[in-house]
Amino acid sequence: MPLMVTATHEASHRLFQEHPEALAPVFEALGLPPPAKADFHELSPDATEIRPVERRADTVLMFEPDMGEHFVLAVEAQTKKDPEKARNWAYYVSYLRAKYDLPVLLVAVCRDPSTAEWAMGPFDCVVGPWTTQVTRPFVLGPQTVPEVTDEAVVAQQPALAALSAIVHSQSKRASAILEAVARGLVSFEPSVTEYWFEVVEVGLESTPARDNWRKLMQNVVTHFPGHGTLFEEKYLEGKSEGKAEGKAEDILRVLTVRGVPVSDDVRNHVTACTDLDTLTTWFDRSLTVSRAEDLFSAEEDDPAAS
């Protein structure tokens, strides 16, 4: 059965695919210079071979700086302890190592402190006294990602700030972090602010912090369709209102072209309606009615009589 991709996994994928500079804590811990986006390019996350087995890492990146070691990064969002996933991680690493003939760094992103501690491993493949393979992910979680509470840091490193808001969503300082990140993100151009606000909201899936974050958000266009973010709700609501207005105009235009008199009461009744199904019914009737008042069903109050 194919693996279900959660909103948290999608947020992780988008974050590291489009902004690998969020991996700064990893590079700092490894003693490497801060990562630059130009040094990365995305690889296929599909680690499936001929057998029909679904194995996908969230994000697979090739790190190829002009100078220094090249290696492959496999980034995984992990929301709970999962022994099966630990076995899959060993597969990801060995497969990518063989395919690209490069060292592989596995990074696990965890919000829950206990899951983060578990994800550090090591996960051993042992026969008797002999260890054949050891998998040790680098975990980006509450223990390794800084708590970003400085708006200046948010403005300079929005990817790191978004990651901080997500992985610390269950900490005691979650509210302070979210407030600082929200204030810092507002300093960008509106489209940039909108994007980062949604990255954080999607990453906060199934946490109490998500409601707090939604209160900090503004009315902007969606970048993550299908996840019911506040931006998406407002955007779709706006689109629906726009369609309703257009449908109401079509009804009144048809009546006018057909020479059917339209009173102010009828006009107001039509333009005040926001239900597309009702407006569609009225539009169909507008093609044949001899009186504008006949648009409305018998159960409705006649607007001309009010």
C-alpha atoms as a PDB file:
ATOM      1  CA  MET A   1       0.000   0.000   0.000  1.00  0.00           C
ATOM      2  CA  PRO A   2       1.438   3.444  -0.912  1.00  0.00           C
ATOM      3  CA  LEU A   3       2.550   5.555   2.018  1.00  0.00           C
ATOM      4  CA  MET A   4       0.266   8.431   2.958  1.00  0.00           C
ATOM      5  CA  VAL A   5       1.943  11.809   2.634  1.00  0.00           C
ATOM      6  CA  THR A   6       0.926  14.003   5.556  1.00  0.00           C
ATOM      7  CA  ALA A   7       0.865  17.773   5.560  1.00  0.00           C
ATOM      8  CA  THR A   8       3.918  17.775   7.823  1.00  0.00           C
ATOM      9  CA  HIS A   9       5.829  15.669   5.301  1.00  0.00           C
ATOM     10  CA  GLU A  10       4.826  18.011   2.480  1.00  0.00           C
ATOM     11  CA  ALA A  11       5.899  21.067   4.463  1.00  0.00           C
ATOM     12  CA  SER A  12       9.254  19.433   5.144  1.00  0.00           C
ATOM     13  CA  HIS A  13       9.684  18.583   1.476  1.00  0.00           C
ATOM     14  CA  ARG A  14       8.848  22.094   0.316  1.00  0.00           C
ATOM     15  CA  LEU A  15      11.009  23.713   2.961  1.00  0.00           C
ATOM     16  CA  PHE A  16      14.201  21.792   2.218  1.00  0.00           C
ATOM     17  CA  GLN A  17      13.649  21.468  -1.511  1.00  0.00           C
ATOM     18  CA  GLU A  18      13.135  25.195  -1.999  1.00  0.00           C
ATOM     19  CA  HIS A  19      15.203  26.488   0.937  1.00  0.00           C
ATOM     20  CA  PRO A  20      18.012  24.049   1.815  1.00  0.00           C
ATOM     21  CA  GLU A  21      19.630  26.842   3.801  1.00  0.00           C
ATOM     22  CA  ALA A  22      17.299  25.658   6.579  1.00  0.00           C
ATOM     23  CA  LEU A  23      19.885  22.897   7.045  1.00  0.00           C
ATOM     24  CA  ALA A  24      22.221  25.441   8.659  1.00  0.00           C
ATOM     25  CA  PRO A  25      22.184  23.703  12.100  1.00  0.00           C
ATOM     26  CA  VAL A  26      23.323  20.469  10.430  1.00  0.00           C
ATOM     27  CA  PHE A  27      26.228  22.127   8.645  1.00  0.00           C
ATOM     28  CA  GLU A  28      27.239  24.015  11.759  1.00  0.00           C
ATOM     29  CA  ALA A  29      27.289  20.806  13.803  1.00  0.00           C
ATOM     30  CA  LEU A  30      29.422  19.116  11.128  1.00  0.00           C
ATOM     31  CA  GLY A  31      31.895  21.990  11.078  1.00  0.00           C
ATOM     32  CA  LEU A  32      30.986  22.955   7.517  1.00  0.00           C
ATOM     33  CA  PRO A  33      30.418  26.469   6.122  1.00  0.00           C
ATOM     34  CA  PRO A  34      26.783  27.638   6.055  1.00  0.00           C
ATOM     35  CA  PRO A  35      24.916  26.032   3.138  1.00  0.00           C
ATOM     36  CA  ALA A  36      24.113  28.089   0.055  1.00  0.00           C
ATOM     37  CA  LYS A  37      21.088  27.285  -2.056  1.00  0.00           C
ATOM     38  CA  ALA A  38      23.186  27.290  -5.246  1.00  0.00           C
ATOM     39  CA  ASP A  39      25.175  24.303  -3.936  1.00  0.00           C
ATOM     40  CA  PHE A  40      22.127  22.013  -3.927  1.00  0.00           C
ATOM     41  CA  HIS A  41      19.996  20.367  -6.536  1.00  0.00           C
ATOM     42  CA  GLU A  42      17.096  18.005  -6.006  1.00  0.00           C
ATOM     43  CA  LEU A  43      17.275  14.307  -6.791  1.00  0.00           C
ATOM     44  CA  SER A  44      14.361  11.926  -7.144  1.00  0.00           C
ATOM     45  CA  PRO A  45      13.128  10.829  -3.694  1.00  0.00           C
ATOM     46  CA  ASP A  46      12.142   7.452  -5.162  1.00  0.00           C
ATOM     47  CA  ALA A  47      14.327   4.686  -3.784  1.00  0.00           C
ATOM     48  CA  THR A  48      12.231   1.949  -5.362  1.00  0.00           C
ATOM     49  CA  GLU A  49      13.988  -0.596  -7.531  1.00  0.00           C
ATOM     50  CA  ILE A  50      12.374  -3.276  -9.706  1.00  0.00           C
ATOM     51  CA  ARG A  51      10.302  -4.740  -6.889  1.00  0.00           C
ATOM     52  CA  PRO A  52       6.903  -3.040  -6.384  1.00  0.00           C
ATOM     53  CA  VAL A  53       7.779  -1.728  -2.931  1.00  0.00           C
ATOM     54  CA  GLU A  54       7.049   1.888  -2.053  1.00  0.00           C
ATOM     55  CA  ARG A  55      10.069   3.521  -0.451  1.00  0.00           C
ATOM     56  CA  ARG A  56      10.322   7.298  -0.642  1.00  0.00           C
ATOM     57  CA  ALA A  57      12.318   9.775   1.336  1.00  0.00           C
ATOM     58  CA  ASP A  58      10.626  13.160   1.682  1.00  0.00           C
ATOM     59  CA  THR A  59      13.473  15.034   0.019  1.00  0.00           C
ATOM     60  CA  VAL A  60      16.763  13.956  -1.542  1.00  0.00           C
ATOM     61  CA  LEU A  61      19.331  16.650  -2.324  1.00  0.00           C
ATOM     62  CA  MET A  62      22.772  16.577  -3.875  1.00  0.00           C
ATOM     63  CA  PHE A  63      25.234  18.920  -2.167  1.00  0.00           C
ATOM     64  CA  GLU A  64      27.894  19.982  -4.687  1.00  0.00           C
ATOM     65  CA  PRO A  65      29.895  23.019  -3.549  1.00  0.00           C
ATOM     66  CA  ASP A  66      32.632  24.426  -5.776  1.00  0.00           C
ATOM     67  CA  MET A  67      35.117  23.432  -3.112  1.00  0.00           C
ATOM     68  CA  GLY A  68      34.772  20.738  -0.487  1.00  0.00           C
ATOM     69  CA  GLU A  69      33.165  17.340  -0.139  1.00  0.00           C
ATOM     70  CA  HIS A  70      30.151  16.393  -2.205  1.00  0.00           C
ATOM     71  CA  PHE A  71      27.463  14.277  -0.587  1.00  0.00           C
ATOM     72  CA  VAL A  72      23.782  13.294  -0.756  1.00  0.00           C
ATOM     73  CA  LEU A  73      21.233  14.435   1.825  1.00  0.00           C
ATOM     74  CA  ALA A  74      18.051  12.503   2.464  1.00  0.00           C
ATOM     75  CA  VAL A  75      15.609  14.518   4.586  1.00  0.00           C
ATOM     76  CA  GLU A  76      12.710  12.824   6.378  1.00  0.00           C
ATOM     77  CA  ALA A  77       9.925  14.287   8.529  1.00  0.00           C
ATOM     78  CA  GLN A  78       9.138  11.937  11.400  1.00  0.00           C
ATOM     79  CA  THR A  79       6.135  12.559  13.640  1.00  0.00           C
ATOM     80  CA  LYS A  80       6.302   9.378  15.757  1.00  0.00           C
ATOM     81  CA  LYS A  81       8.486   6.412  16.635  1.00  0.00           C
ATOM     82  CA  ASP A  82       8.320   3.830  13.880  1.00  0.00           C
ATOM     83  CA  PRO A  83      10.588   0.744  13.854  1.00  0.00           C
ATOM     84  CA  GLU A  84       9.632   0.032  10.245  1.00  0.00           C
ATOM     85  CA  LYS A  85      10.775   3.494   9.217  1.00  0.00           C
ATOM     86  CA  ALA A  86      14.096   2.881  10.949  1.00  0.00           C
ATOM     87  CA  ARG A  87      14.582  -0.164   8.721  1.00  0.00           C
ATOM     88  CA  ASN A  88      13.625   1.871   5.664  1.00  0.00           C
ATOM     89  CA  TRP A  89      16.194   4.486   6.606  1.00  0.00           C
ATOM     90  CA  ALA A  90      18.930   1.878   6.387  1.00  0.00           C
ATOM     91  CA  TYR A  91      17.662   1.047   2.912  1.00  0.00           C
ATOM     92  CA  TYR A  92      17.576   4.717   1.838  1.00  0.00           C
ATOM     93  CA  VAL A  93      21.161   5.246   2.895  1.00  0.00           C
ATOM     94  CA  SER A  94      22.579   2.083   1.325  1.00  0.00           C
ATOM     95  CA  TYR A  95      20.611   2.572  -1.900  1.00  0.00           C
ATOM     96  CA  LEU A  96      21.636   6.204  -2.347  1.00  0.00           C
ATOM     97  CA  ARG A  97      25.247   5.379  -1.461  1.00  0.00           C
ATOM     98  CA  ALA A  98      25.347   2.697  -4.148  1.00  0.00           C
ATOM     99  CA  LYS A  99      23.461   4.746  -6.757  1.00  0.00           C
ATOM    100  CA  TYR A 100      25.491   7.962  -6.523  1.00  0.00           C
ATOM    101  CA  ASP A 101      28.781   6.595  -5.138  1.00  0.00           C
ATOM    102  CA  LEU A 102      28.840   9.411  -2.596  1.00  0.00           C
ATOM    103  CA  PRO A 103      28.545   9.637   1.187  1.00  0.00           C
ATOM    104  CA  VAL A 104      24.960   9.985   2.408  1.00  0.00           C
ATOM    105  CA  LEU A 105      23.686  12.116   5.269  1.00  0.00           C
ATOM    106  CA  LEU A 106      20.238  11.205   6.564  1.00  0.00           C
ATOM    107  CA  VAL A 107      18.428  14.074   8.328  1.00  0.00           C
ATOM    108  CA  ALA A 108      15.271  13.425  10.369  1.00  0.00           C
ATOM    109  CA  VAL A 109      13.000  16.361  11.246  1.00  0.00           C
ATOM    110  CA  CYS A 110      11.030  15.820  14.475  1.00  0.00           C
ATOM    111  CA  ARG A 111       8.683  18.043  16.492  1.00  0.00           C
ATOM    112  CA  ASP A 112       8.178  15.676  19.407  1.00  0.00           C
ATOM    113  CA  PRO A 113      11.157  15.527  21.829  1.00  0.00           C
ATOM    114  CA  SER A 114      10.799  11.791  22.514  1.00  0.00           C
ATOM    115  CA  THR A 115      10.541  11.023  18.805  1.00  0.00           C
ATOM    116  CA  ALA A 116      13.600  13.179  18.174  1.00  0.00           C
ATOM    117  CA  GLU A 117      15.576  11.308  20.808  1.00  0.00           C
ATOM    118  CA  TRP A 118      14.508   7.963  19.326  1.00  0.00           C
ATOM    119  CA  ALA A 119      15.349   9.056  15.779  1.00  0.00           C
ATOM    120  CA  MET A 120      18.978   9.699  16.720  1.00  0.00           C
ATOM    121  CA  GLY A 121      19.480   5.925  16.824  1.00  0.00           C
ATOM    122  CA  PRO A 122      21.812   4.262  16.287  1.00  0.00           C
ATOM    123  CA  PHE A 123      19.859   1.596  14.404  1.00  0.00           C
ATOM    124  CA  ASP A 124      22.022  -1.500  14.119  1.00  0.00           C
ATOM    125  CA  CYS A 125      21.912  -4.493  11.814  1.00  0.00           C
ATOM    126  CA  VAL A 126      23.498  -7.153  14.019  1.00  0.00           C
ATOM    127  CA  VAL A 127      24.106 -10.869  13.687  1.00  0.00           C
ATOM    128  CA  GLY A 128      25.385 -12.359  16.916  1.00  0.00           C
ATOM    129  CA  PRO A 129      28.370 -10.255  18.003  1.00  0.00           C
ATOM    130  CA  TRP A 130      28.851  -8.773  14.534  1.00  0.00           C
ATOM    131  CA  THR A 131      27.436  -5.391  13.448  1.00  0.00           C
ATOM    132  CA  THR A 132      26.959  -5.304   9.687  1.00  0.00           C
ATOM    133  CA  GLN A 133      25.465  -1.843   9.365  1.00  0.00           C
ATOM    134  CA  VAL A 134      24.699   1.159  11.584  1.00  0.00           C
ATOM    135  CA  THR A 135      22.277   3.960  10.653  1.00  0.00           C
ATOM    136  CA  ARG A 136      22.577   7.211  12.590  1.00  0.00           C
ATOM    137  CA  PRO A 137      20.351  10.054  11.365  1.00  0.00           C
ATOM    138  CA  PHE A 138      21.191  13.655  12.146  1.00  0.00           C
ATOM    139  CA  VAL A 139      18.046  14.895  13.897  1.00  0.00           C
ATOM    140  CA  LEU A 140      16.674  18.392  13.449  1.00  0.00           C
ATOM    141  CA  GLY A 141      14.464  18.673  16.488  1.00  0.00           C
ATOM    142  CA  PRO A 142      13.996  20.553  19.750  1.00  0.00           C
ATOM    143  CA  GLN A 143      17.465  19.492  20.918  1.00  0.00           C
ATOM    144  CA  THR A 144      19.354  20.738  17.834  1.00  0.00           C
ATOM    145  CA  VAL A 145      17.364  23.600  16.263  1.00  0.00           C
ATOM    146  CA  PRO A 146      17.711  26.965  18.022  1.00  0.00           C
ATOM    147  CA  GLU A 147      14.647  28.678  19.467  1.00  0.00           C
ATOM    148  CA  VAL A 148      14.285  31.715  17.233  1.00  0.00           C
ATOM    149  CA  THR A 149      12.765  34.539  19.284  1.00  0.00           C
ATOM    150  CA  ASP A 150      14.609  37.471  17.680  1.00  0.00           C
ATOM    151  CA  GLU A 151      12.799  39.218  14.831  1.00  0.00           C
ATOM    152  CA  ALA A 152      16.142  40.228  13.309  1.00  0.00           C
ATOM    153  CA  VAL A 153      17.112  36.565  12.968  1.00  0.00           C
ATOM    154  CA  VAL A 154      13.754  35.854  11.302  1.00  0.00           C
ATOM    155  CA  ALA A 155      14.387  38.598   8.756  1.00  0.00           C
ATOM    156  CA  GLN A 156      17.882  37.258   8.014  1.00  0.00           C
ATOM    157  CA  GLN A 157      17.091  33.532   8.089  1.00  0.00           C
ATOM    158  CA  PRO A 158      13.377  32.935   7.391  1.00  0.00           C
ATOM    159  CA  ALA A 159      13.926  29.258   6.525  1.00  0.00           C
ATOM    160  CA  LEU A 160      15.597  28.594   9.867  1.00  0.00           C
ATOM    161  CA  ALA A 161      12.877  30.599  11.636  1.00  0.00           C
ATOM    162  CA  ALA A 162      10.140  28.536   9.976  1.00  0.00           C
ATOM    163  CA  LEU A 163      11.922  25.332  10.958  1.00  0.00           C
ATOM    164  CA  SER A 164      12.275  26.596  14.532  1.00  0.00           C
ATOM    165  CA  ALA A 165       8.557  27.366  14.741  1.00  0.00           C
ATOM    166  CA  ILE A 166       7.705  23.869  13.524  1.00  0.00           C
ATOM    167  CA  VAL A 167      10.091  21.747  15.596  1.00  0.00           C
ATOM    168  CA  HIS A 168       9.484  23.719  18.811  1.00  0.00           C
ATOM    169  CA  SER A 169       5.697  23.644  18.420  1.00  0.00           C
ATOM    170  CA  GLN A 170       5.344  21.428  21.507  1.00  0.00           C
ATOM    171  CA  SER A 171       7.773  23.287  23.743  1.00  0.00           C
ATOM    172  CA  LYS A 172       6.894  25.641  26.593  1.00  0.00           C
ATOM    173  CA  ARG A 173       8.196  28.585  24.556  1.00  0.00           C
ATOM    174  CA  ALA A 174       6.174  27.737  21.454  1.00  0.00           C
ATOM    175  CA  SER A 175       3.953  30.817  21.738  1.00  0.00           C
ATOM    176  CA  ALA A 176       6.902  33.194  22.135  1.00  0.00           C
ATOM    177  CA  ILE A 177       8.631  31.623  19.130  1.00  0.00           C
ATOM    178  CA  LEU A 178       5.533  31.825  16.943  1.00  0.00           C
ATOM    179  CA  GLU A 179       4.928  35.465  17.856  1.00  0.00           C
ATOM    180  CA  ALA A 180       8.527  36.435  17.091  1.00  0.00           C
ATOM    181  CA  VAL A 181       8.534  34.509  13.825  1.00  0.00           C
ATOM    182  CA  ALA A 182       5.219  36.058  12.750  1.00  0.00           C
ATOM    183  CA  ARG A 183       6.445  39.588  13.491  1.00  0.00           C
ATOM    184  CA  GLY A 184       9.704  38.961  11.659  1.00  0.00           C
ATOM    185  CA  LEU A 185       8.037  37.486   8.575  1.00  0.00           C
ATOM    186  CA  VAL A 186       5.806  40.516   8.144  1.00  0.00           C
ATOM    187  CA  SER A 187       8.927  42.509   7.238  1.00  0.00           C
ATOM    188  CA  PHE A 188       9.086  40.805   3.834  1.00  0.00           C
ATOM    189  CA  GLU A 189       7.168  41.542   0.660  1.00  0.00           C
ATOM    190  CA  PRO A 190       3.554  40.317   1.013  1.00  0.00           C
ATOM    191  CA  SER A 191       4.017  37.325  -1.303  1.00  0.00           C
ATOM    192  CA  VAL A 192       7.076  36.178   0.668  1.00  0.00           C
ATOM    193  CA  THR A 193       5.278  36.615   3.975  1.00  0.00           C
ATOM    194  CA  GLU A 194       2.322  34.631   2.652  1.00  0.00           C
ATOM    195  CA  TYR A 195       4.560  31.766   1.578  1.00  0.00           C
ATOM    196  CA  TRP A 196       6.383  31.443   4.916  1.00  0.00           C
ATOM    197  CA  PHE A 197       3.187  31.798   6.936  1.00  0.00           C
ATOM    198  CA  GLU A 198       1.740  28.817   5.072  1.00  0.00           C
ATOM    199  CA  VAL A 199       4.908  26.724   5.347  1.00  0.00           C
ATOM    200  CA  VAL A 200       4.691  27.086   9.113  1.00  0.00           C
ATOM    201  CA  GLU A 201       0.947  26.425   9.298  1.00  0.00           C
ATOM    202  CA  VAL A 202       1.182  23.239   7.248  1.00  0.00           C
ATOM    203  CA  GLY A 203       4.168  22.119   9.307  1.00  0.00           C
ATOM    204  CA  LEU A 204       2.155  22.591  12.516  1.00  0.00           C
ATOM    205  CA  GLU A 205      -0.400  19.995  11.444  1.00  0.00           C
ATOM    206  CA  SER A 206      -2.253  18.338  14.352  1.00  0.00           C
ATOM    207  CA  THR A 207      -0.709  20.533  17.046  1.00  0.00           C
ATOM    208  CA  PRO A 208      -2.391  23.070  19.353  1.00  0.00           C
ATOM    209  CA  ALA A 209       0.163  25.596  18.114  1.00  0.00           C
ATOM    210  CA  ARG A 210      -1.540  25.623  14.706  1.00  0.00           C
ATOM    211  CA  ASP A 211      -4.579  27.461  16.103  1.00  0.00           C
ATOM    212  CA  ASN A 212      -2.309  30.027  17.714  1.00  0.00           C
ATOM    213  CA  TRP A 213      -0.465  30.502  14.432  1.00  0.00           C
ATOM    214  CA  ARG A 214      -3.694  30.968  12.487  1.00  0.00           C
ATOM    215  CA  LYS A 215      -4.581  33.877  14.747  1.00  0.00           C
ATOM    216  CA  LEU A 216      -1.347  35.555  13.690  1.00  0.00           C
ATOM    217  CA  MET A 217      -1.958  35.169   9.983  1.00  0.00           C
ATOM    218  CA  GLN A 218      -3.344  37.657   7.499  1.00  0.00           C
ATOM    219  CA  ASN A 219      -5.628  37.256   4.492  1.00  0.00           C
ATOM    220  CA  VAL A 220      -3.364  36.193   1.599  1.00  0.00           C
ATOM    221  CA  VAL A 221      -3.335  33.697  -1.281  1.00  0.00           C
ATOM    222  CA  THR A 222      -2.628  29.999  -0.746  1.00  0.00           C
ATOM    223  CA  HIS A 223       0.572  28.144  -1.718  1.00  0.00           C
ATOM    224  CA  PHE A 224      -0.486  24.751  -0.295  1.00  0.00           C
ATOM    225  CA  PRO A 225      -3.834  23.862  -1.915  1.00  0.00           C
ATOM    226  CA  GLY A 226      -5.845  21.127  -0.286  1.00  0.00           C
ATOM    227  CA  HIS A 227      -4.632  21.504   3.305  1.00  0.00           C
ATOM    228  CA  GLY A 228      -7.338  23.867   4.604  1.00  0.00           C
ATOM    229  CA  THR A 229      -4.985  26.618   5.760  1.00  0.00           C
ATOM    230  CA  LEU A 230      -6.474  29.958   6.793  1.00  0.00           C
ATOM    231  CA  PHE A 231      -5.050  31.530   3.635  1.00  0.00           C
ATOM    232  CA  GLU A 232      -6.708  28.881   1.509  1.00  0.00           C
ATOM    233  CA  GLU A 233     -10.080  29.276   3.229  1.00  0.00           C
ATOM    234  CA  LYS A 234     -10.060  33.028   2.707  1.00  0.00           C
ATOM    235  CA  TYR A 235      -8.783  32.696  -0.848  1.00  0.00           C
ATOM    236  CA  LEU A 236     -11.437  30.170  -1.833  1.00  0.00           C
ATOM    237  CA  GLU A 237     -14.093  32.220  -0.040  1.00  0.00           C
ATOM    238  CA  GLY A 238     -13.038  35.220  -2.091  1.00  0.00           C
ATOM    239  CA  LYS A 239     -13.145  33.204  -5.306  1.00  0.00           C
ATOM    240  CA  SER A 240     -16.609  31.929  -4.409  1.00  0.00           C
ATOM    241  CA  GLU A 241     -17.823  35.449  -3.729  1.00  0.00           C
ATOM    242  CA  GLY A 242     -16.396  36.566  -7.069  1.00  0.00           C
ATOM    243  CA  LYS A 243     -18.218  33.775  -8.894  1.00  0.00           C
ATOM    244  CA  ALA A 244     -21.455  34.673  -7.131  1.00  0.00           C
ATOM    245  CA  GLU A 245     -21.138  38.300  -8.157  1.00  0.00           C
ATOM    246  CA  GLY A 246     -20.502  37.292 -11.745  1.00  0.00           C
ATOM    247  CA  LYS A 247     -23.480  34.923 -11.793  1.00  0.00           C
ATOM    248  CA  ALA A 248     -25.767  37.612 -10.363  1.00  0.00           C
ATOM    249  CA  GLU A 249     -24.637  40.029 -13.071  1.00  0.00           C
ATOM    250  CA  ASP A 250     -25.351  37.400 -15.727  1.00  0.00           C
ATOM    251  CA  ILE A 251     -28.909  36.935 -14.433  1.00  0.00           C
ATOM    252  CA  LEU A 252     -29.643  40.645 -14.514  1.00  0.00           C
ATOM    253  CA  ARG A 253     -28.025  41.012 -17.951  1.00  0.00           C
ATOM    254  CA  VAL A 254     -30.168  38.208 -19.412  1.00  0.00           C
ATOM    255  CA  LEU A 255     -33.344  39.807 -18.074  1.00  0.00           C
ATOM    256  CA  THR A 256     -32.347  43.192 -19.471  1.00  0.00           C
ATOM    257  CA  VAL A 257     -31.505  41.781 -22.917  1.00  0.00           C
ATOM    258  CA  ARG A 258     -34.838  39.928 -22.958  1.00  0.00           C
ATOM    259  CA  GLY A 259     -36.682  43.159 -22.108  1.00  0.00           C
ATOM    260  CA  VAL A 260     -37.936  41.916 -18.739  1.00  0.00           C
ATOM    261  CA  PRO A 261     -38.333  44.814 -16.284  1.00  0.00           C
ATOM    262  CA  VAL A 262     -36.188  44.473 -13.154  1.00  0.00           C
ATOM    263  CA  SER A 263     -37.257  46.331 -10.024  1.00  0.00           C
ATOM    264  CA  ASP A 264     -34.790  47.545  -7.421  1.00  0.00           C
ATOM    265  CA  ASP A 265     -36.093  44.935  -4.997  1.00  0.00           C
ATOM    266  CA  VAL A 266     -35.413  42.109  -7.462  1.00  0.00           C
ATOM    267  CA  ARG A 267     -32.002  43.520  -8.318  1.00  0.00           C
ATOM    268  CA  ASN A 268     -31.045  43.785  -4.638  1.00  0.00           C
ATOM    269  CA  HIS A 269     -32.357  40.283  -3.935  1.00  0.00           C
ATOM    270  CA  VAL A 270     -30.257  38.784  -6.739  1.00  0.00           C
ATOM    271  CA  THR A 271     -27.046  40.661  -5.947  1.00  0.00           C
ATOM    272  CA  ALA A 272     -27.338  39.896  -2.234  1.00  0.00           C
ATOM    273  CA  CYS A 273     -27.337  36.127  -2.849  1.00  0.00           C
ATOM    274  CA  THR A 274     -23.981  34.345  -2.423  1.00  0.00           C
ATOM    275  CA  ASP A 275     -25.151  30.752  -2.899  1.00  0.00           C
ATOM    276  CA  LEU A 276     -23.960  29.534  -6.305  1.00  0.00           C
ATOM    277  CA  ASP A 277     -26.529  26.730  -6.549  1.00  0.00           C
ATOM    278  CA  THR A 278     -29.388  29.163  -5.963  1.00  0.00           C
ATOM    279  CA  LEU A 279     -27.950  31.648  -8.449  1.00  0.00           C
ATOM    280  CA  THR A 280     -27.593  28.898 -11.040  1.00  0.00           C
ATOM    281  CA  THR A 281     -31.268  28.037 -10.614  1.00  0.00           C
ATOM    282  CA  TRP A 282     -32.239  31.673 -10.991  1.00  0.00           C
ATOM    283  CA  PHE A 283     -30.042  32.006 -14.078  1.00  0.00           C
ATOM    284  CA  ASP A 284     -31.802  29.045 -15.723  1.00  0.00           C
ATOM    285  CA  ARG A 285     -35.183  30.659 -14.963  1.00  0.00           C
ATOM    286  CA  SER A 286     -34.007  34.038 -16.282  1.00  0.00           C
ATOM    287  CA  LEU A 287     -33.938  32.521 -19.769  1.00  0.00           C
ATOM    288  CA  THR A 288     -37.698  31.918 -19.807  1.00  0.00           C
ATOM    289  CA  VAL A 289     -39.552  33.940 -17.134  1.00  0.00           C
ATOM    290  CA  SER A 290     -41.864  36.736 -18.223  1.00  0.00           C
ATOM    291  CA  ARG A 291     -41.666  38.526 -14.846  1.00  0.00           C
ATOM    292  CA  ALA A 292     -38.414  39.069 -12.937  1.00  0.00           C
ATOM    293  CA  GLU A 293     -40.216  38.134  -9.722  1.00  0.00           C
ATOM    294  CA  ASP A 294     -40.757  34.623 -11.140  1.00  0.00           C
ATOM    295  CA  LEU A 295     -37.041  33.928 -10.702  1.00  0.00           C
ATOM    296  CA  PHE A 296     -37.733  33.074  -7.092  1.00  0.00           C
ATOM    297  CA  SER A 297     -39.464  29.912  -5.946  1.00  0.00           C
ATOM    298  CA  ALA A 298     -42.950  29.973  -4.465  1.00  0.00           C
ATOM    299  CA  GLU A 299     -41.526  29.235  -1.028  1.00  0.00           C
ATOM    300  CA  GLU A 300     -39.534  32.471  -0.996  1.00  0.00           C
ATOM    301  CA  ASP A 301     -40.918  35.816  -0.097  1.00  0.00           C
ATOM    302  CA  ASP A 302     -41.545  37.836  -3.222  1.00  0.00           C
ATOM    303  CA  PRO A 303     -38.964  40.648  -2.965  1.00  0.00           C
ATOM    304  CA  ALA A 304     -41.261  42.969  -4.880  1.00  0.00           C
ATOM    305  CA  ALA A 305     -43.911  42.544  -2.240  1.00  0.00           C
ATOM    306  CA  SER A 306     -41.667  43.408   0.648  1.00  0.00           C
END
